[in-house]
């Protein structure tokens, strides 16, 4: 190639080798080795390892200030730049003999700038892979059966949009009311204002709103029936050796309790009991030990909990606080009438108040008459920035009136039984053509509306985040104009 031997300046960084500063050395190099073989980065690493005693596998070589040869470029003149040198790279591709060119040796760190476990944790936002897999299964098996949309309803309860869609598409609909039984009462009141027929079902959580030939099947959550856990013990009789007497079965009382435990309770009164227990703890001699000095406990307390300190009151307080903290919320469910299986639409009102996301899946699975592979059912989440409460008694009216300032703004949070709270800063809305005032006692029951700062998108965000659902927004103005055009065509 006409390019003879040269001396290459090599710089060892401080993190390579045992020195605390950079080291410089000059190596005699040649672009062609013996037998007309071109020198590569692997040969340079081996020569540096021979001179310094550093393991070549821990080196990272960076060429600084070298220009690539025209033969190895695209024809455009390139400026000198720092370039990592791999094992298979040919040294003749650079002008290493030019003045000012050097090769820096750095410490190779495997795994740098690569995604590790921390990246996966951030990607899933703290959720485990099991939770992500469960969400994907729910999305593909349940939520794939519906096309979800949400509409930010302005100055309306959503009944007008439900009526317009059902009338335009000529389909019945299922309405999932997240605000509970009081939400059904509010819908009944609004339906009566519109002059529609409202029928209550045998179940308190079900109702129907009938307008013309269409029906809204309104359902609300109720407490699921409690399933008491039952444990059955089965002890296989042990086959003893010849001559061994069988172990006698403990005797039981008439009420099914164990006679041996009752005897231990009687015997343990006033005694110290089991060595684990506190001093003078009254309880079973066999199981005592839950409470500290002076604590009164039962055999079950001593067997299960051993957290009480000195004094029975402290132990009881800690036990009550622990139970309240560990207490799970009451599970909820919805019950769909059989007629709702033919519905072609699903509406979700006040979805952020739903106690169980499974209530949505129950409404989807309620459409049993649809064949497999049919077109997904439209589901509309009607969200709003208006909080509605129903005032039924004079006491509720006084509670709300005490929390409202003269300008109609809530000075404190108002909580009514079995109803969504009115948050701080909510503004009382007035009916058309009137001032924002609360109803009189003679006008009860009445529905009162409050303006919030922003729409409540809790359920929409949760479905998107946990289950990866696609929920598109339809602007309220666009929806209203489309419904008006549809009503004119009908």
Protein backbone atom coordinates (compact mmCIF):
# COMPACT_ATOMS: atom_id res chain seq x y z
CA UNK A 1 0.00 0.00 0.00
CA UNK A 2 3.08 2.24 0.19
CA UNK A 3 2.36 3.11 3.83
CA UNK A 4 5.38 2.11 5.90
CA UNK A 5 5.85 1.52 9.62
CA UNK A 6 5.06 4.31 12.08
CA UNK A 7 4.86 4.96 15.81
CA UNK A 8 1.39 5.15 17.33
CA UNK A 9 0.84 7.17 20.47
CA UNK A 10 -1.28 5.30 23.05
CA UNK A 11 -2.82 6.93 26.15
CA UNK A 12 -3.97 4.79 29.10
CA UNK A 13 -6.80 6.44 31.04
CA UNK A 14 -6.70 6.61 34.82
CA UNK A 15 -9.29 3.85 35.28
CA UNK A 16 -7.09 1.37 33.40
CA UNK A 17 -4.21 -0.27 35.23
CA UNK A 18 -2.87 0.59 38.65
CA UNK A 19 -1.77 4.19 38.06
CA UNK A 20 -3.85 7.10 39.33
CA UNK A 21 -3.11 9.27 36.27
CA UNK A 22 -2.94 8.93 32.50
CA UNK A 23 0.02 7.09 31.00
CA UNK A 24 1.55 7.64 27.57
CA UNK A 25 3.47 5.16 25.47
CA UNK A 26 4.57 4.85 21.86
CA UNK A 27 4.16 1.60 19.98
CA UNK A 28 5.84 0.70 16.68
CA UNK A 29 3.08 -0.26 14.28
CA UNK A 30 2.63 -1.42 10.72
CA UNK A 31 -0.51 -1.64 8.63
CA UNK A 32 0.51 -5.01 7.17
CA UNK A 33 1.56 -7.94 9.29
CA UNK A 34 3.49 -11.01 8.19
CA UNK A 35 2.21 -12.88 5.15
CA UNK A 36 0.51 -9.75 3.80
CA UNK A 37 -2.27 -9.80 6.41
CA UNK A 38 -3.79 -6.41 7.31
CA UNK A 39 -3.51 -5.41 10.95
CA UNK A 40 -6.76 -5.11 12.88
CA UNK A 41 -7.95 -3.81 16.21
CA UNK A 42 -7.41 -7.25 17.74
CA UNK A 43 -3.68 -7.11 16.94
CA UNK A 44 -3.42 -3.61 18.45
CA UNK A 45 -5.12 -4.80 21.63
CA UNK A 46 -2.71 -7.74 21.87
CA UNK A 47 0.32 -5.46 21.48
CA UNK A 48 -0.96 -3.06 24.14
CA UNK A 49 -1.59 -5.98 26.48
CA UNK A 50 1.95 -7.23 25.91
CA UNK A 51 3.46 -3.82 26.72
CA UNK A 52 1.28 -3.00 29.76
CA UNK A 53 0.19 -6.36 31.14
CA UNK A 54 -3.49 -5.33 31.02
CA UNK A 55 -6.05 -7.90 29.96
CA UNK A 56 -7.07 -7.14 26.39
CA UNK A 57 -10.66 -8.18 27.13
CA UNK A 58 -11.07 -5.21 29.46
CA UNK A 59 -9.92 -2.61 26.91
CA UNK A 60 -12.02 -0.17 24.96
CA UNK A 61 -10.00 1.58 22.24
CA UNK A 62 -10.96 5.06 20.98
CA UNK A 63 -9.20 6.58 17.94
CA UNK A 64 -8.88 10.35 18.36
CA UNK A 65 -7.99 12.89 15.64
CA UNK A 66 -7.69 10.39 12.77
CA UNK A 67 -9.19 10.89 9.34
CA UNK A 68 -10.61 7.94 7.44
CA UNK A 69 -8.94 7.02 4.17
CA UNK A 70 -10.85 7.95 0.96
CA UNK A 71 -11.09 4.29 0.00
CA UNK A 72 -13.30 3.62 3.06
CA UNK A 73 -15.56 6.69 2.73
CA UNK A 74 -18.48 7.60 0.49
CA UNK A 75 -16.51 10.26 -1.35
CA UNK A 76 -17.38 13.07 1.06
CA UNK A 77 -14.44 14.41 3.01
CA UNK A 78 -14.94 13.62 6.68
CA UNK A 79 -13.61 15.58 9.61
CA UNK A 80 -11.53 13.79 12.25
CA UNK A 81 -13.64 12.49 15.11
CA UNK A 82 -13.44 10.04 17.99
CA UNK A 83 -14.22 6.54 16.76
CA UNK A 84 -14.40 3.28 18.76
CA UNK A 85 -12.08 0.62 17.36
CA UNK A 86 -13.52 -2.88 17.18
CA UNK A 87 -11.56 -6.11 16.98
CA UNK A 88 -12.33 -6.70 13.31
CA UNK A 89 -11.67 -3.10 12.15
CA UNK A 90 -8.72 -2.69 9.75
CA UNK A 91 -6.15 -0.14 10.96
CA UNK A 92 -5.41 0.94 7.38
CA UNK A 93 -8.86 2.53 7.23
CA UNK A 94 -7.52 5.52 9.23
CA UNK A 95 -4.50 7.80 8.83
CA UNK A 96 -2.96 6.72 12.11
CA UNK A 97 0.50 7.95 11.07
CA UNK A 98 -0.71 11.57 10.85
CA UNK A 99 0.54 13.93 13.55
CA UNK A 100 -1.72 14.46 16.55
CA UNK A 101 -3.41 11.06 16.24
CA UNK A 102 -3.61 8.92 19.33
CA UNK A 103 -5.48 5.89 20.65
CA UNK A 104 -7.02 6.13 24.12
CA UNK A 105 -7.45 2.96 26.14
CA UNK A 106 -10.51 3.03 28.41
CA UNK A 107 -11.97 0.43 30.73
CA UNK A 108 -14.68 -1.63 29.11
CA UNK A 109 -17.89 -1.78 31.15
CA UNK A 110 -20.36 -4.33 30.01
CA UNK A 111 -24.06 -3.56 30.40
CA UNK A 112 -23.63 0.22 30.33
CA UNK A 113 -26.53 2.13 28.77
CA UNK A 114 -28.55 -1.06 28.52
CA UNK A 115 -32.05 -1.59 29.98
CA UNK A 116 -31.96 -3.36 33.30
CA UNK A 117 -34.57 -4.33 35.85
CA UNK A 118 -35.07 -0.74 36.88
CA UNK A 119 -36.14 0.15 33.36
CA UNK A 120 -38.75 -2.60 33.42
CA UNK A 121 -40.07 -1.34 36.77
CA UNK A 122 -40.44 2.18 35.38
CA UNK A 123 -42.03 0.90 32.20
CA UNK A 124 -44.77 -0.92 34.09
CA UNK A 125 -45.15 1.95 36.62
CA UNK A 126 -44.50 -0.29 39.58
CA UNK A 127 -46.75 -3.13 38.46
CA UNK A 128 -45.41 -6.63 38.29
CA UNK A 129 -45.45 -8.74 35.15
CA UNK A 130 -48.22 -10.86 36.66
CA UNK A 131 -50.42 -7.78 36.98
CA UNK A 132 -49.64 -6.71 33.40
CA UNK A 133 -50.46 -10.19 32.08
CA UNK A 134 -53.74 -10.24 34.02
CA UNK A 135 -54.65 -6.83 32.59
CA UNK A 136 -53.89 -8.02 29.06
CA UNK A 137 -56.10 -11.08 29.55
CA UNK A 138 -58.98 -8.90 30.78
CA UNK A 139 -58.52 -6.55 27.83
CA UNK A 140 -58.51 -9.28 25.19
CA UNK A 141 -61.31 -11.40 26.66
CA UNK A 142 -63.70 -8.74 28.00
CA UNK A 143 -62.99 -5.19 26.86
CA UNK A 144 -62.29 -6.32 23.29
CA UNK A 145 -66.05 -6.92 22.95
CA UNK A 146 -66.79 -3.17 23.15
CA UNK A 147 -65.63 0.04 21.46
CA UNK A 148 -65.15 2.59 24.24
CA UNK A 149 -65.62 6.35 23.98
CA UNK A 150 -65.96 9.13 26.51
CA UNK A 151 -67.89 12.37 26.26
CA UNK A 152 -67.36 15.32 28.58
CA UNK A 153 -70.99 16.31 29.06
CA UNK A 154 -71.51 20.03 29.61
CA UNK A 155 -74.35 21.33 31.80
CA UNK A 156 -76.30 18.12 31.48
CA UNK A 157 -76.84 14.85 33.30
CA UNK A 158 -76.29 12.83 30.14
CA UNK A 159 -79.92 11.74 29.75
CA UNK A 160 -80.30 13.86 26.62
CA UNK A 161 -77.32 12.14 24.97
CA UNK A 162 -78.61 8.70 25.99
CA UNK A 163 -82.04 9.52 24.60
CA UNK A 164 -80.60 10.87 21.34
CA UNK A 165 -78.30 7.89 20.70
CA UNK A 166 -80.96 5.30 21.51
CA UNK A 167 -83.50 7.06 19.31
CA UNK A 168 -81.09 7.54 16.40
CA UNK A 169 -79.73 3.98 16.48
CA UNK A 170 -83.08 2.43 17.49
CA UNK A 171 -81.45 0.37 20.24
CA UNK A 172 -81.97 -0.20 23.94
CA UNK A 173 -79.12 0.49 26.33
CA UNK A 174 -77.64 -0.59 29.66
CA UNK A 175 -76.80 2.28 32.01
CA UNK A 176 -74.27 1.54 34.75
CA UNK A 177 -74.78 4.12 37.49
CA UNK A 178 -71.69 4.45 39.66
CA UNK A 179 -73.22 6.71 42.33
CA UNK A 180 -75.31 3.93 43.87
CA UNK A 181 -78.93 3.94 44.95
CA UNK A 182 -79.03 7.71 45.34
CA UNK A 183 -77.86 8.00 41.76
CA UNK A 184 -80.93 6.01 40.73
CA UNK A 185 -83.09 8.46 42.65
CA UNK A 186 -81.48 11.38 40.82
CA UNK A 187 -82.09 9.70 37.45
CA UNK A 188 -85.70 9.05 38.46
CA UNK A 189 -86.15 12.72 39.34
CA UNK A 190 -84.62 13.87 36.03
CA UNK A 191 -86.67 11.36 34.04
CA UNK A 192 -89.85 12.68 35.64
CA UNK A 193 -88.80 16.21 34.65
CA UNK A 194 -88.44 15.08 31.03
CA UNK A 195 -91.81 13.34 31.22
CA UNK A 196 -90.39 9.86 30.70
CA UNK A 197 -91.63 6.71 32.37
CA UNK A 198 -89.52 5.40 35.24
CA UNK A 199 -90.15 1.89 36.55
CA UNK A 200 -88.46 0.39 39.57
CA UNK A 201 -87.59 -3.28 39.47
CA UNK A 202 -88.07 -5.83 42.20
CA UNK A 203 -84.39 -5.35 43.03
CA UNK A 204 -83.55 -2.03 44.60
CA UNK A 205 -80.50 -1.68 42.35
CA UNK A 206 -82.39 -2.03 39.05
CA UNK A 207 -84.73 0.33 37.22
CA UNK A 208 -86.00 1.13 33.73
CA UNK A 209 -86.47 4.42 31.91
CA UNK A 210 -88.88 4.07 28.98
CA UNK A 211 -89.27 6.70 26.24
CA UNK A 212 -91.14 5.66 23.16
CA UNK A 213 -90.00 2.25 21.94
CA UNK A 214 -86.58 2.41 23.63
CA UNK A 215 -85.65 1.37 27.16
CA UNK A 216 -82.74 2.24 29.42
CA UNK A 217 -81.91 -0.59 31.83
CA UNK A 218 -80.35 1.28 34.75
CA UNK A 219 -78.28 -0.77 37.21
CA UNK A 220 -76.32 0.24 40.30
CA UNK A 221 -73.87 -1.61 42.48
CA UNK A 222 -74.97 -3.42 45.61
CA UNK A 223 -73.14 -5.39 48.27
CA UNK A 224 -72.20 -8.84 47.07
CA UNK A 225 -73.42 -11.73 49.23
CA UNK A 226 -70.86 -12.68 51.83
CA UNK A 227 -69.25 -16.06 51.41
CA UNK A 228 -68.15 -17.30 54.79
CA UNK A 229 -65.01 -19.41 54.49
CA UNK A 230 -65.48 -22.93 55.70
CA UNK A 231 -62.58 -25.17 56.65
CA UNK A 232 -62.90 -28.92 56.88
CA UNK A 233 -60.23 -30.93 58.60
CA UNK A 234 -59.63 -34.51 57.62
CA UNK A 235 -57.24 -36.55 59.68
CA UNK A 236 -56.28 -39.89 58.21
CA UNK A 237 -56.11 -42.53 60.97
CA UNK A 238 -52.53 -43.47 61.65
CA UNK A 239 -51.64 -47.10 61.38
CA UNK A 240 -49.76 -47.86 64.57
CA UNK A 241 -47.49 -50.71 65.43
CA UNK A 242 -48.73 -53.98 66.79
CA UNK A 243 -49.96 -53.54 70.34
CA UNK A 244 -50.03 -49.69 70.19
CA UNK A 245 -53.16 -48.14 71.64
CA UNK A 246 -55.07 -45.72 69.33
CA UNK A 247 -55.09 -42.03 70.24
CA UNK A 248 -58.48 -41.15 71.76
CA UNK A 249 -60.58 -38.51 69.94
CA UNK A 250 -61.26 -35.40 72.09
CA UNK A 251 -64.74 -35.24 73.49
CA UNK A 252 -67.10 -32.51 72.26
CA UNK A 253 -69.87 -30.63 74.02
CA UNK A 254 -73.46 -30.35 72.86
CA UNK A 255 -72.68 -27.08 71.04
CA UNK A 256 -69.77 -28.63 69.15
CA UNK A 257 -66.94 -27.04 71.16
CA UNK A 258 -63.98 -29.02 72.32
CA UNK A 259 -64.27 -30.24 75.89
CA UNK A 260 -60.49 -30.28 76.34
CA UNK A 261 -60.22 -26.56 75.55
CA UNK A 262 -63.09 -25.74 77.94
CA UNK A 263 -61.33 -27.67 80.67
CA UNK A 264 -58.12 -25.78 79.98
CA UNK A 265 -60.00 -22.47 80.20
CA UNK A 266 -61.44 -23.36 83.58
CA UNK A 267 -58.10 -24.57 84.83
CA UNK A 268 -56.25 -21.51 83.59
CA UNK A 269 -58.31 -18.87 85.45
CA UNK A 270 -56.01 -16.87 87.66
CA UNK A 271 -52.93 -18.81 86.64
CA UNK A 272 -49.87 -17.62 84.80
CA UNK A 273 -50.62 -19.87 81.90
CA UNK A 274 -48.28 -20.68 79.07
CA UNK A 275 -44.74 -19.29 79.51
CA UNK A 276 -45.17 -17.00 76.47
CA UNK A 277 -47.95 -15.06 78.18
CA UNK A 278 -47.67 -11.93 80.31
CA UNK A 279 -47.82 -11.80 84.06
CA UNK A 280 -51.15 -12.63 85.71
CA UNK A 281 -52.83 -12.82 82.31
CA UNK A 282 -56.31 -14.24 82.73
CA UNK A 283 -57.07 -16.78 80.03
CA UNK A 284 -56.42 -20.32 79.08
CA UNK A 285 -53.43 -21.95 80.71
CA UNK A 286 -52.67 -23.53 77.39
CA UNK A 287 -52.97 -20.51 75.10
CA UNK A 288 -52.60 -17.42 77.31
CA UNK A 289 -50.10 -14.81 76.18
CA UNK A 290 -51.71 -12.24 73.92
CA UNK A 291 -51.99 -9.37 76.37
CA UNK A 292 -49.46 -8.03 78.80
CA UNK A 293 -49.74 -7.46 82.49
CA UNK A 294 -53.34 -7.23 83.61
CA UNK A 295 -54.63 -8.01 80.11
CA UNK A 296 -57.74 -10.15 79.86
CA UNK A 297 -57.81 -12.39 76.83
CA UNK A 298 -59.46 -15.47 75.42
CA UNK A 299 -57.91 -18.64 74.17
CA UNK A 300 -58.35 -17.51 70.56
CA UNK A 301 -56.67 -14.16 71.25
CA UNK A 302 -53.71 -15.86 72.82
CA UNK A 303 -53.41 -18.31 69.95
CA UNK A 304 -53.62 -15.81 67.08
CA UNK A 305 -52.24 -12.46 68.20
CA UNK A 306 -49.13 -11.83 70.29
CA UNK A 307 -48.72 -8.12 69.78
CA UNK A 308 -50.28 -6.62 72.91
CA UNK A 309 -48.10 -4.57 75.24
CA UNK A 310 -48.43 -3.95 78.91
CA UNK A 311 -51.98 -3.29 79.96
CA UNK A 312 -55.14 -4.69 78.47
CA UNK A 313 -56.34 -1.34 77.10
CA UNK A 314 -53.25 -0.79 74.98
CA UNK A 315 -53.49 -4.28 73.56
CA UNK A 316 -57.17 -3.82 72.75
CA UNK A 317 -56.52 -0.46 71.04
CA UNK A 318 -53.71 -1.88 68.93
CA UNK A 319 -55.84 -4.85 67.98
CA UNK A 320 -58.76 -2.62 66.94
CA UNK A 321 -56.48 -0.34 64.92
CA UNK A 322 -54.89 -3.30 63.19
CA UNK A 323 -58.27 -4.79 62.33
CA UNK A 324 -59.52 -1.46 60.95
CA UNK A 325 -56.38 -1.07 58.84
CA UNK A 326 -56.48 -4.61 57.48
CA UNK A 327 -60.23 -4.60 56.86
CA UNK A 328 -61.04 -5.10 53.20
CA UNK A 329 -63.81 -3.12 51.47
CA UNK A 330 -67.11 -4.87 51.00
CA UNK A 331 -67.23 -6.44 47.51
CA UNK A 332 -69.86 -5.09 45.12
CA UNK A 333 -71.81 -6.54 42.22
CA UNK A 334 -74.51 -5.59 39.72
CA UNK A 335 -77.52 -7.66 38.66
CA UNK A 336 -78.75 -7.35 35.10
CA UNK A 337 -82.34 -8.18 34.14
CA UNK A 338 -82.86 -10.80 31.46
CA UNK A 339 -84.34 -8.23 29.06
CA UNK A 340 -81.03 -6.31 29.05
CA UNK A 341 -79.35 -9.09 27.03
CA UNK A 342 -80.75 -7.56 23.80
CA UNK A 343 -79.34 -4.07 24.43
CA UNK A 344 -77.09 -2.58 21.76
CA UNK A 345 -75.48 0.24 23.77
CA UNK A 346 -73.78 0.62 27.15
CA UNK A 347 -73.56 3.89 29.06
CA UNK A 348 -71.45 4.48 32.17
CA UNK A 349 -72.52 7.38 34.38
CA UNK A 350 -70.43 8.49 37.38
CA UNK A 351 -68.00 5.69 36.62
CA UNK A 352 -65.31 7.10 38.94
CA UNK A 353 -67.54 6.16 41.89
CA UNK A 354 -67.71 2.47 40.96
CA UNK A 355 -66.39 0.20 43.68
CA UNK A 356 -65.49 -2.63 41.31
CA UNK A 357 -64.16 -2.49 37.76
CA UNK A 358 -65.73 -5.94 37.43
CA UNK A 359 -69.12 -4.20 37.30
CA UNK A 360 -68.19 -2.94 33.83
CA UNK A 361 -67.19 -6.43 32.70
CA UNK A 362 -70.44 -7.82 34.13
CA UNK A 363 -72.41 -5.37 31.98
CA UNK A 364 -70.39 -6.44 28.91
CA UNK A 365 -70.92 -10.14 29.59
CA UNK A 366 -74.61 -9.45 30.12
CA UNK A 367 -75.06 -9.16 26.36
CA UNK A 368 -75.31 -12.93 25.97
CA UNK A 369 -77.33 -12.98 22.76
CA UNK A 370 -74.52 -11.58 20.61
CA UNK A 371 -72.76 -14.29 18.59
CA UNK A 372 -69.02 -14.77 18.73
CA UNK A 373 -67.11 -12.54 16.31
CA UNK A 374 -69.89 -9.94 16.00
CA UNK A 375 -69.28 -6.19 15.83
CA UNK A 376 -68.18 -4.70 19.20
CA UNK A 377 -70.87 -2.91 21.20
CA UNK A 378 -70.37 0.86 21.62
CA UNK A 379 -69.73 1.87 25.24
CA UNK A 380 -69.92 5.55 26.18
CA UNK A 381 -68.42 6.95 29.38
CA UNK A 382 -70.39 10.11 30.16
CA UNK A 383 -68.12 12.26 32.32
CA UNK A 384 -69.03 15.67 33.63
CA UNK A 385 -67.78 18.46 35.85
CA UNK A 386 -71.14 18.69 37.63
CA UNK A 387 -71.79 17.01 40.97
CA UNK A 388 -75.44 16.24 41.69
CA UNK A 389 -76.86 15.45 45.12
CA UNK A 390 -80.45 14.88 46.15
CA UNK A 391 -81.76 16.64 49.25
CA UNK A 392 -84.57 14.64 50.87
CA UNK A 393 -84.74 15.93 54.44
CA UNK A 394 -84.58 19.27 56.19
CA UNK A 395 -81.44 18.17 58.02
CA UNK A 396 -79.61 17.59 54.74
CA UNK A 397 -80.73 21.00 53.53
CA UNK A 398 -79.34 22.66 56.67
CA UNK A 399 -76.04 20.78 56.29
CA UNK A 400 -75.56 22.00 52.74
CA UNK A 401 -76.71 25.53 53.59
CA UNK A 402 -74.16 25.77 56.42
CA UNK A 403 -71.31 24.91 54.03
CA UNK A 404 -72.28 27.36 51.27
CA UNK A 405 -71.01 30.95 51.28
CA UNK A 406 -73.17 33.86 50.07
CA UNK A 407 -71.56 33.67 46.61
CA UNK A 408 -72.61 30.02 46.27
CA UNK A 409 -69.17 28.47 46.81
CA UNK A 410 -68.63 25.56 49.19
CA UNK A 411 -66.40 26.58 52.12
CA UNK A 412 -65.89 23.00 53.26
CA UNK A 413 -66.48 19.48 52.04
CA UNK A 414 -70.10 18.38 52.38
CA UNK A 415 -70.73 14.69 52.96
CA UNK A 416 -74.23 13.28 52.81
CA UNK A 417 -75.06 9.71 53.66
CA UNK A 418 -74.80 7.28 50.72
CA UNK A 419 -74.06 10.12 48.29
CA UNK A 420 -70.94 11.54 46.63
CA UNK A 421 -69.38 14.38 48.59
CA UNK A 422 -69.45 18.00 47.49
CA UNK A 423 -65.77 19.04 47.47
CA UNK A 424 -64.30 22.28 48.72
CA UNK A 425 -64.61 25.06 46.16
CA UNK A 426 -67.59 23.62 44.29
CA UNK A 427 -69.95 26.30 42.99
CA UNK A 428 -73.73 26.03 43.32
CA UNK A 429 -75.46 26.13 39.94
CA UNK A 430 -78.76 27.82 39.32
CA UNK A 431 -81.63 26.77 37.16
CA UNK A 432 -82.19 28.61 33.92
CA UNK A 433 -83.43 32.13 34.52
CA UNK A 434 -82.92 32.09 38.32
CA UNK A 435 -80.29 32.81 40.92
CA UNK A 436 -78.12 30.08 42.52
CA UNK A 437 -80.16 29.39 45.66
CA UNK A 438 -80.99 26.22 47.56
CA UNK A 439 -84.55 24.87 47.41
CA UNK A 440 -87.07 25.53 50.14
CA UNK A 441 -88.19 22.88 52.61
CA UNK A 442 -91.52 22.58 50.84
CA UNK A 443 -89.72 21.73 47.57
CA UNK A 444 -87.95 18.65 48.94
CA UNK A 445 -86.89 16.22 47.63
CA UNK A 446 -84.87 18.22 45.13
CA UNK A 447 -81.70 17.71 43.08
CA UNK A 448 -78.95 20.29 43.61
CA UNK A 449 -76.07 20.74 41.14
CA UNK A 450 -72.54 21.95 41.87
CA UNK A 451 -69.87 22.97 39.36
CA UNK A 452 -66.48 21.30 39.85
CA UNK A 453 -63.06 22.43 38.63
CA UNK A 454 -62.69 19.68 36.01
CA UNK A 455 -64.45 16.56 34.74
CA UNK A 456 -63.96 13.33 36.66
CA UNK A 457 -61.91 10.99 34.47
CA UNK A 458 -60.91 8.47 37.12
CA UNK A 459 -62.43 5.38 35.50
CA UNK A 460 -61.26 6.31 32.00
CA UNK A 461 -57.71 6.80 33.24
CA UNK A 462 -57.79 3.53 35.19
CA UNK A 463 -59.01 1.52 32.20
CA UNK A 464 -56.34 3.03 29.99
CA UNK A 465 -53.53 2.57 32.48
CA UNK A 466 -54.28 -0.83 34.01
CA UNK A 467 -55.83 -2.63 31.07
CA UNK A 468 -54.45 -0.76 28.07
CA UNK A 469 -57.94 0.02 26.75
CA UNK A 470 -58.34 2.42 23.86
CA UNK A 471 -60.92 5.06 24.84
CA UNK A 472 -61.40 7.82 22.28
CA UNK A 473 -62.90 11.20 23.12
CA UNK A 474 -65.93 12.55 21.33
CA UNK A 475 -66.45 16.24 21.89
CA UNK A 476 -69.81 17.14 23.33
CA UNK A 477 -70.53 19.78 20.68
CA UNK A 478 -69.84 17.29 17.89
CA UNK A 479 -72.03 14.67 19.55
CA UNK A 480 -74.88 17.14 20.04
CA UNK A 481 -74.78 18.31 16.41
CA UNK A 482 -74.75 14.72 15.13
CA UNK A 483 -77.74 13.82 17.29
CA UNK A 484 -79.64 16.86 16.03
CA UNK A 485 -79.00 15.84 12.44
CA UNK A 486 -80.08 12.29 13.21
CA UNK A 487 -83.30 13.47 14.82
CA UNK A 488 -84.12 15.60 11.79
CA UNK A 489 -83.60 12.65 9.47
CA UNK A 490 -85.79 10.45 11.62
